[in-house]
Amino acid sequence: MQFEHDEGRIHGARYYTVKPLFEHWLSDNTIWRDMTEWCVDTYGASAEMGVWTPGARWYANNSKFWFRDEEDKLMFVMRWS
C-alpha cells in the first residue's frame, strides 16, 4: 500500500500525517477499519476531540491518520506497507 506523508500543526503541536491511498474507498473501507483497530490496540484509544486535544497521541480525521510522534507514524507505515 502507498501512503501520502505530510505534517500538520494543531494549536502549535506538530503532528505527522499518513493518508492511505486507496484505489476505491468504498471497497477498501474494511482496511481503514482494520487500521483504526490496530491503532487502538497499539497506541490506545484516540482522544475524544482528536488532534485538537492537547497531548493526543493519534487520531484519524480527513482520510488521514495523525500521529504526535514520528516513531508512531513510522511503525504504522511499516505495519501496513
C-alpha atoms as a PDB file:
ATOM      1  CA  MET A   1       0.000   0.000   0.000  1.00  0.00           C
ATOM      2  CA  GLN A   2       1.122   3.509  -0.718  1.00  0.00           C
ATOM      3  CA  PHE A   3       0.790   6.488   1.596  1.00  0.00           C
ATOM      4  CA  GLU A   4       0.871  10.242   1.330  1.00  0.00           C
ATOM      5  CA  HIS A   5       3.012  11.718   4.119  1.00  0.00           C
ATOM      6  CA  ASP A   6       2.690  15.221   5.498  1.00  0.00           C
ATOM      7  CA  GLU A   7       2.863  17.264   8.684  1.00  0.00           C
ATOM      8  CA  GLY A   8       0.311  19.464  10.317  1.00  0.00           C
ATOM      9  CA  ARG A   9       0.150  21.749  13.331  1.00  0.00           C
ATOM     10  CA  ILE A  10      -2.774  21.975  15.685  1.00  0.00           C
ATOM     11  CA  HIS A  11      -2.547  24.543  18.492  1.00  0.00           C
ATOM     12  CA  GLY A  12       1.186  24.745  17.789  1.00  0.00           C
ATOM     13  CA  ALA A  13       1.763  20.994  18.235  1.00  0.00           C
ATOM     14  CA  ARG A  14       3.299  19.128  15.301  1.00  0.00           C
ATOM     15  CA  TYR A  15       1.547  16.007  14.018  1.00  0.00           C
ATOM     16  CA  TYR A  16       2.805  13.611  11.364  1.00  0.00           C
ATOM     17  CA  THR A  17       0.070  12.536   8.968  1.00  0.00           C
ATOM     18  CA  VAL A  18      -0.337   9.450   6.837  1.00  0.00           C
ATOM     19  CA  LYS A  19      -3.038   9.180   4.204  1.00  0.00           C
ATOM     20  CA  PRO A  20      -3.583   5.666   2.812  1.00  0.00           C
ATOM     21  CA  LEU A  21      -4.004   5.871  -0.948  1.00  0.00           C
ATOM     22  CA  PHE A  22      -6.894   3.528  -1.599  1.00  0.00           C
ATOM     23  CA  GLU A  23      -7.948   2.841  -5.150  1.00  0.00           C
ATOM     24  CA  HIS A  24     -11.598   2.605  -4.126  1.00  0.00           C
ATOM     25  CA  TRP A  25     -12.558   3.998  -0.722  1.00  0.00           C
ATOM     26  CA  LEU A  26     -15.830   2.100  -0.513  1.00  0.00           C
ATOM     27  CA  SER A  27     -14.320  -1.308  -1.225  1.00  0.00           C
ATOM     28  CA  ASP A  28     -11.290  -0.612   0.980  1.00  0.00           C
ATOM     29  CA  ASN A  29     -13.353   0.573   3.960  1.00  0.00           C
ATOM     30  CA  THR A  30     -12.606  -2.700   5.772  1.00  0.00           C
ATOM     31  CA  ILE A  31      -8.872  -1.952   5.584  1.00  0.00           C
ATOM     32  CA  TRP A  32      -9.476   1.511   7.090  1.00  0.00           C
ATOM     33  CA  ARG A  33     -11.388  -0.090   9.984  1.00  0.00           C
ATOM     34  CA  ASP A  34      -8.584  -2.637  10.448  1.00  0.00           C
ATOM     35  CA  MET A  35      -6.044   0.199  10.536  1.00  0.00           C
ATOM     36  CA  THR A  36      -8.096   2.075  13.111  1.00  0.00           C
ATOM     37  CA  GLU A  37      -8.491  -1.024  15.295  1.00  0.00           C
ATOM     38  CA  TRP A  38      -4.757  -1.679  15.052  1.00  0.00           C
ATOM     39  CA  CYS A  39      -4.055   1.898  16.193  1.00  0.00           C
ATOM     40  CA  VAL A  40      -6.348   1.458  19.206  1.00  0.00           C
ATOM     41  CA  ASP A  41      -4.658  -1.856  20.092  1.00  0.00           C
ATOM     42  CA  THR A  42      -1.164  -0.408  19.590  1.00  0.00           C
ATOM     43  CA  TYR A  43      -1.439   3.208  20.803  1.00  0.00           C
ATOM     44  CA  GLY A  44      -4.598   3.164  22.898  1.00  0.00           C
ATOM     45  CA  ALA A  45      -7.862   4.950  22.245  1.00  0.00           C
ATOM     46  CA  SER A  46      -7.607   8.282  20.495  1.00  0.00           C
ATOM     47  CA  ALA A  47      -8.542  11.412  22.394  1.00  0.00           C
ATOM     48  CA  GLU A  48     -12.215  12.362  22.365  1.00  0.00           C
ATOM     49  CA  MET A  49     -11.513  15.577  20.469  1.00  0.00           C
ATOM     50  CA  GLY A  50      -8.723  14.057  18.366  1.00  0.00           C
ATOM     51  CA  VAL A  51      -5.757  16.166  17.410  1.00  0.00           C
ATOM     52  CA  TRP A  52      -7.478  19.186  18.903  1.00  0.00           C
ATOM     53  CA  THR A  53      -6.981  17.653  22.356  1.00  0.00           C
ATOM     54  CA  PRO A  54      -3.567  18.685  23.708  1.00  0.00           C
ATOM     55  CA  GLY A  55      -1.323  15.643  24.062  1.00  0.00           C
ATOM     56  CA  ALA A  56      -3.387  13.359  21.803  1.00  0.00           C
ATOM     57  CA  ARG A  57      -1.111  10.530  20.634  1.00  0.00           C
ATOM     58  CA  TRP A  58      -3.050   9.732  17.461  1.00  0.00           C
ATOM     59  CA  TYR A  59      -6.303  10.417  15.691  1.00  0.00           C
ATOM     60  CA  ALA A  60      -7.995   9.636  12.389  1.00  0.00           C
ATOM     61  CA  ASN A  61      -9.556  12.561  10.536  1.00  0.00           C
ATOM     62  CA  ASN A  62      -9.980  13.784   6.964  1.00  0.00           C
ATOM     63  CA  SER A  63      -8.879  10.432   5.426  1.00  0.00           C
ATOM     64  CA  LYS A  64      -5.600  10.622   7.360  1.00  0.00           C
ATOM     65  CA  PHE A  65      -4.064   9.206  10.480  1.00  0.00           C
ATOM     66  CA  TRP A  66      -2.476  11.916  12.620  1.00  0.00           C
ATOM     67  CA  PHE A  67       0.402  10.910  14.911  1.00  0.00           C
ATOM     68  CA  ARG A  68       2.011  13.059  17.590  1.00  0.00           C
ATOM     69  CA  ASP A  69       5.289  11.106  17.429  1.00  0.00           C
ATOM     70  CA  GLU A  70       7.111  10.380  14.195  1.00  0.00           C
ATOM     71  CA  GLU A  71       8.071   6.933  15.549  1.00  0.00           C
ATOM     72  CA  ASP A  72       4.377   6.034  15.849  1.00  0.00           C
ATOM     73  CA  LYS A  73       3.822   7.128  12.262  1.00  0.00           C
ATOM     74  CA  LEU A  74       6.749   5.026  11.060  1.00  0.00           C
ATOM     75  CA  MET A  75       5.523   1.960  12.945  1.00  0.00           C
ATOM     76  CA  PHE A  76       2.085   2.400  11.351  1.00  0.00           C
ATOM     77  CA  VAL A  77       3.574   2.666   7.855  1.00  0.00           C
ATOM     78  CA  MET A  78       5.784  -0.387   8.403  1.00  0.00           C
ATOM     79  CA  ARG A  79       2.797  -2.414   9.608  1.00  0.00           C
ATOM     80  CA  TRP A  80       0.525  -1.506   6.695  1.00  0.00           C
ATOM     81  CA  SER A  81       3.070  -1.365   3.831  1.00  0.00           C
END
